[in-house]
């Protein structure tokens, strides 16, 4: 019998059996104070957490610079020496018939027409232009360079501000790719100290501009650049025949 209010825990009585170890009631003798852990020696290896213990903080893994190329991978067999020498030989020279001043004029015209095309497109559908403290508000197409117009159009597309219905055939997925293909236009027109471009590259840049005007459904700009493409191609062919 135990008195009322006793804090001792009764230990069950048992009869020992010859040849058999008595049961271990050490867990019943453990204090119920918050500072105590499980005292059973067999449970010493287990994770015993006191009642007052703070929750464990999840360990943060350090970011790794490893990528998929550091994991399991394969290497292709090296090409035979004969084929490798052929690949490393001098590249064939592509024809260059346009003079530097002619190239600059052509690329400047494309760049100017594309800026106007972007200006008209944003004004027509009333897309917002974020105000920047270091830039003046847009009043004319020349207030922004073509690279800045491309960045603005890309941001509007990625933020889903441009509905697919306002683009040619709803090509919203191809829109950013078409814009990026035209980025070299402004770079080529701005840096006039660059090496001369071959004739095919000049025509390719005009063609990239045509694709921009097409996807923005600007018929007047598209006709303008298409006429410039034909004119440039005819000039290249005339120079090639005269040589």
Protein backbone atom coordinates (compact mmCIF):
# COMPACT_ATOMS: atom_id res chain seq x y z
CA UNK A 1 0.00 0.00 0.00
CA UNK A 2 1.15 3.55 -0.78
CA UNK A 3 0.05 6.69 0.91
CA UNK A 4 -2.11 9.27 -0.80
CA UNK A 5 -0.05 11.76 -2.79
CA UNK A 6 3.09 9.59 -2.81
CA UNK A 7 5.36 10.39 -5.76
CA UNK A 8 6.90 6.94 -5.83
CA UNK A 9 5.92 4.68 -8.68
CA UNK A 10 4.90 1.19 -7.58
CA UNK A 11 7.17 -1.54 -8.79
CA UNK A 12 5.33 -4.71 -9.78
CA UNK A 13 6.15 -7.72 -7.70
CA UNK A 14 7.30 -10.83 -9.50
CA UNK A 15 8.42 -14.24 -8.63
CA UNK A 16 11.84 -15.20 -9.86
CA UNK A 17 12.06 -18.35 -11.85
CA UNK A 18 15.16 -20.52 -11.34
CA UNK A 19 17.55 -20.19 -14.27
CA UNK A 20 15.91 -17.03 -15.59
CA UNK A 21 17.16 -13.45 -15.02
CA UNK A 22 14.64 -11.20 -13.29
CA UNK A 23 13.06 -8.48 -15.46
CA UNK A 24 14.68 -5.05 -15.46
CA UNK A 25 12.37 -2.44 -13.93
CA UNK A 26 14.98 0.29 -13.92
CA UNK A 27 12.88 2.46 -16.19
CA UNK A 28 10.19 2.52 -13.51
CA UNK A 29 12.68 3.85 -10.97
CA UNK A 30 13.63 6.80 -13.16
CA UNK A 31 12.68 10.22 -11.89
CA UNK A 32 9.97 12.03 -13.78
CA UNK A 33 11.77 15.35 -13.50
CA UNK A 34 12.33 17.26 -16.78
CA UNK A 35 16.09 16.89 -16.39
CA UNK A 36 16.13 13.12 -16.59
CA UNK A 37 16.73 10.85 -19.57
CA UNK A 38 15.93 7.15 -20.00
CA UNK A 39 18.20 5.25 -17.62
CA UNK A 40 17.87 1.83 -19.16
CA UNK A 41 21.44 0.84 -20.14
CA UNK A 42 20.16 -0.94 -23.23
CA UNK A 43 18.46 2.27 -24.36
CA UNK A 44 21.55 4.41 -23.82
CA UNK A 45 22.39 4.25 -27.49
CA UNK A 46 18.90 5.40 -28.48
CA UNK A 47 18.07 9.08 -29.02
CA UNK A 48 16.66 10.20 -25.69
CA UNK A 49 15.28 13.73 -25.68
CA UNK A 50 14.40 15.54 -22.47
CA UNK A 51 11.08 17.28 -22.23
CA UNK A 52 12.70 20.70 -22.20
CA UNK A 53 14.92 20.13 -25.21
CA UNK A 54 14.73 22.70 -28.01
CA UNK A 55 13.64 21.49 -31.47
CA UNK A 56 16.54 20.45 -33.65
CA UNK A 57 17.49 22.87 -36.37
CA UNK A 58 17.60 21.41 -39.83
CA UNK A 59 21.15 21.32 -41.10
CA UNK A 60 21.70 23.59 -44.08
CA UNK A 61 23.66 22.02 -46.87
CA UNK A 62 26.32 24.15 -48.38
CA UNK A 63 25.72 25.05 -52.00
CA UNK A 64 27.86 23.03 -54.32
CA UNK A 65 29.50 24.20 -57.51
CA UNK A 66 29.18 20.77 -59.00
CA UNK A 67 26.98 20.38 -62.05
CA UNK A 68 25.82 17.52 -64.23
CA UNK A 69 29.20 17.41 -65.99
CA UNK A 70 30.95 16.46 -62.73
CA UNK A 71 28.78 13.37 -62.30
CA UNK A 72 28.71 10.23 -64.45
CA UNK A 73 29.52 11.16 -68.03
CA UNK A 74 31.11 9.89 -71.20
CA UNK A 75 33.75 11.14 -73.61
CA UNK A 76 33.60 10.59 -77.34
CA UNK A 77 36.50 9.03 -79.19
CA UNK A 78 38.89 11.55 -80.64
CA UNK A 79 38.62 12.00 -84.41
CA UNK A 80 41.41 10.49 -86.53
CA UNK A 81 44.40 12.80 -87.10
CA UNK A 82 43.58 13.23 -90.78
CA UNK A 83 40.05 14.43 -90.10
CA UNK A 84 41.20 16.66 -87.25
CA UNK A 85 43.74 18.41 -89.46
CA UNK A 86 41.02 19.09 -92.02
CA UNK A 87 38.79 20.66 -89.35
CA UNK A 88 41.58 22.85 -88.02
CA UNK A 89 42.64 24.12 -91.42
CA UNK A 90 42.01 27.71 -92.44
CA UNK A 91 38.34 28.56 -92.80
CA UNK A 92 37.18 29.48 -96.27
CA UNK A 93 36.83 33.20 -96.79
CA UNK A 94 33.29 34.38 -97.34
CA UNK A 95 32.81 37.21 -99.84
CA UNK A 96 32.92 40.78 -98.53
CA UNK A 97 31.83 43.28 -101.14
CA UNK A 98 30.20 46.01 -99.05
CA UNK A 99 32.39 48.82 -97.79
CA UNK A 100 32.46 49.76 -94.11
CA UNK A 101 30.43 52.91 -94.67
CA UNK A 102 27.80 50.98 -96.61
CA UNK A 103 27.51 48.37 -93.87
CA UNK A 104 27.14 51.05 -91.20
CA UNK A 105 24.41 52.78 -93.18
CA UNK A 106 22.47 49.57 -93.78
CA UNK A 107 22.64 48.43 -90.15
CA UNK A 108 21.74 51.90 -88.89
CA UNK A 109 18.62 51.90 -91.08
CA UNK A 110 17.57 48.50 -89.77
CA UNK A 111 18.20 49.56 -86.18
CA UNK A 112 16.19 52.76 -86.61
CA UNK A 113 13.25 50.95 -88.22
CA UNK A 114 13.17 48.30 -85.51
CA UNK A 115 13.13 50.94 -82.76
CA UNK A 116 10.19 52.63 -84.45
CA UNK A 117 8.43 49.28 -84.83
CA UNK A 118 8.79 48.56 -81.10
CA UNK A 119 7.65 52.09 -80.22
CA UNK A 120 4.50 51.77 -82.34
CA UNK A 121 3.72 48.30 -80.97
CA UNK A 122 3.94 49.38 -77.32
CA UNK A 123 1.96 52.57 -78.00
CA UNK A 124 -0.76 50.70 -79.91
CA UNK A 125 -1.50 48.23 -77.11
CA UNK A 126 -0.68 50.65 -74.26
CA UNK A 127 1.93 48.44 -72.62
CA UNK A 128 3.54 50.13 -69.60
CA UNK A 129 7.11 51.45 -69.75
CA UNK A 130 8.71 51.55 -66.27
CA UNK A 131 10.12 54.95 -65.34
CA UNK A 132 13.83 54.95 -64.54
CA UNK A 133 15.53 57.82 -62.70
CA UNK A 134 18.58 57.79 -64.96
CA UNK A 135 16.60 57.82 -68.22
CA UNK A 136 14.23 60.34 -69.70
CA UNK A 137 10.64 59.37 -70.47
CA UNK A 138 10.03 57.94 -73.92
CA UNK A 139 8.69 60.48 -76.36
CA UNK A 140 10.17 59.22 -79.65
CA UNK A 141 11.63 55.86 -80.74
CA UNK A 142 15.19 57.20 -80.53
CA UNK A 143 14.82 57.75 -76.76
CA UNK A 144 15.75 54.09 -76.30
CA UNK A 145 18.37 52.01 -78.07
CA UNK A 146 17.30 48.83 -79.80
CA UNK A 147 18.82 46.69 -77.03
CA UNK A 148 16.65 48.56 -74.52
CA UNK A 149 13.54 48.00 -76.62
CA UNK A 150 14.39 44.30 -76.80
CA UNK A 151 14.83 44.11 -73.02
CA UNK A 152 11.49 45.86 -72.47
CA UNK A 153 9.64 43.56 -74.88
CA UNK A 154 11.22 40.48 -73.32
CA UNK A 155 10.22 41.58 -69.82
CA UNK A 156 6.66 42.23 -70.96
CA UNK A 157 6.55 38.77 -72.53
CA UNK A 158 8.01 36.91 -69.54
CA UNK A 159 5.64 38.74 -67.19
CA UNK A 160 2.75 37.67 -69.44
CA UNK A 161 1.77 41.23 -70.23
CA UNK A 162 1.74 40.55 -73.99
CA UNK A 163 -1.16 38.32 -75.05
CA UNK A 164 -0.44 35.83 -77.79
CA UNK A 165 -3.30 37.18 -79.92
CA UNK A 166 -1.39 40.41 -80.71
CA UNK A 167 1.53 38.48 -82.22
CA UNK A 168 1.74 36.84 -85.63
CA UNK A 169 0.07 33.40 -85.39
CA UNK A 170 0.18 33.73 -81.60
CA UNK A 171 3.88 32.85 -81.56
CA UNK A 172 4.48 33.91 -77.97
CA UNK A 173 7.00 31.09 -77.40
CA UNK A 174 9.09 32.11 -80.41
CA UNK A 175 8.87 35.81 -79.55
CA UNK A 176 11.91 35.98 -77.25
CA UNK A 177 14.04 33.92 -79.65
CA UNK A 178 13.20 36.25 -82.54
CA UNK A 179 14.10 39.27 -80.41
CA UNK A 180 17.43 37.79 -79.29
CA UNK A 181 18.39 37.00 -82.88
CA UNK A 182 18.17 40.71 -83.66
CA UNK A 183 20.35 41.86 -80.76
CA UNK A 184 23.50 41.84 -82.87
CA UNK A 185 21.93 44.58 -84.96
CA UNK A 186 22.46 47.30 -82.39
CA UNK A 187 25.90 45.98 -81.45
CA UNK A 188 27.00 46.03 -85.07
CA UNK A 189 25.60 49.50 -85.70
CA UNK A 190 27.10 51.00 -82.54
CA UNK A 191 30.64 49.60 -82.65
CA UNK A 192 31.89 50.88 -85.97
CA UNK A 193 35.48 49.83 -85.26
CA UNK A 194 34.50 46.18 -85.66
CA UNK A 195 35.89 44.04 -88.49
CA UNK A 196 33.94 44.03 -91.74
CA UNK A 197 31.09 41.58 -91.90
CA UNK A 198 30.78 39.21 -94.79
CA UNK A 199 27.89 39.71 -97.19
CA UNK A 200 25.90 36.76 -95.88
CA UNK A 201 26.10 38.07 -92.34
CA UNK A 202 24.77 41.48 -93.37
CA UNK A 203 21.84 39.87 -95.16
CA UNK A 204 21.26 37.66 -92.13
CA UNK A 205 20.99 40.69 -89.86
CA UNK A 206 18.44 42.32 -92.15
CA UNK A 207 16.51 39.06 -92.22
CA UNK A 208 16.50 38.94 -88.41
CA UNK A 209 14.96 42.42 -88.41
CA UNK A 210 12.30 41.29 -90.89
CA UNK A 211 11.31 38.46 -88.53
CA UNK A 212 10.84 40.97 -85.69
CA UNK A 213 8.54 43.17 -87.79
CA UNK A 214 6.65 40.08 -88.91
CA UNK A 215 5.96 38.74 -85.42
CA UNK A 216 4.90 42.24 -84.30
CA UNK A 217 2.58 42.40 -87.32
CA UNK A 218 3.98 45.69 -88.60
CA UNK A 219 3.31 45.51 -92.34
CA UNK A 220 4.90 48.86 -93.20
CA UNK A 221 8.13 48.07 -91.33
CA UNK A 222 8.24 44.60 -92.85
CA UNK A 223 7.92 45.97 -96.38
CA UNK A 224 10.61 48.56 -95.67
CA UNK A 225 13.15 45.99 -94.45
CA UNK A 226 12.25 43.53 -97.18
CA UNK A 227 12.94 46.21 -99.79
CA UNK A 228 16.24 46.97 -98.04
CA UNK A 229 17.13 43.27 -98.15
CA UNK A 230 16.46 43.07 -101.90
CA UNK A 231 18.40 46.27 -102.54
CA UNK A 232 21.39 45.06 -100.51
CA UNK A 233 21.35 41.66 -102.19
CA UNK A 234 21.32 43.25 -105.64
CA UNK A 235 24.25 45.48 -104.70
CA UNK A 236 26.23 42.48 -103.48
CA UNK A 237 25.53 40.55 -106.68
CA UNK A 238 26.49 43.52 -108.86
CA UNK A 239 29.80 43.87 -107.02
CA UNK A 240 30.49 40.14 -107.31
CA UNK A 241 29.87 40.14 -111.12
CA UNK A 242 32.08 43.15 -111.66
CA UNK A 243 35.09 41.48 -110.08
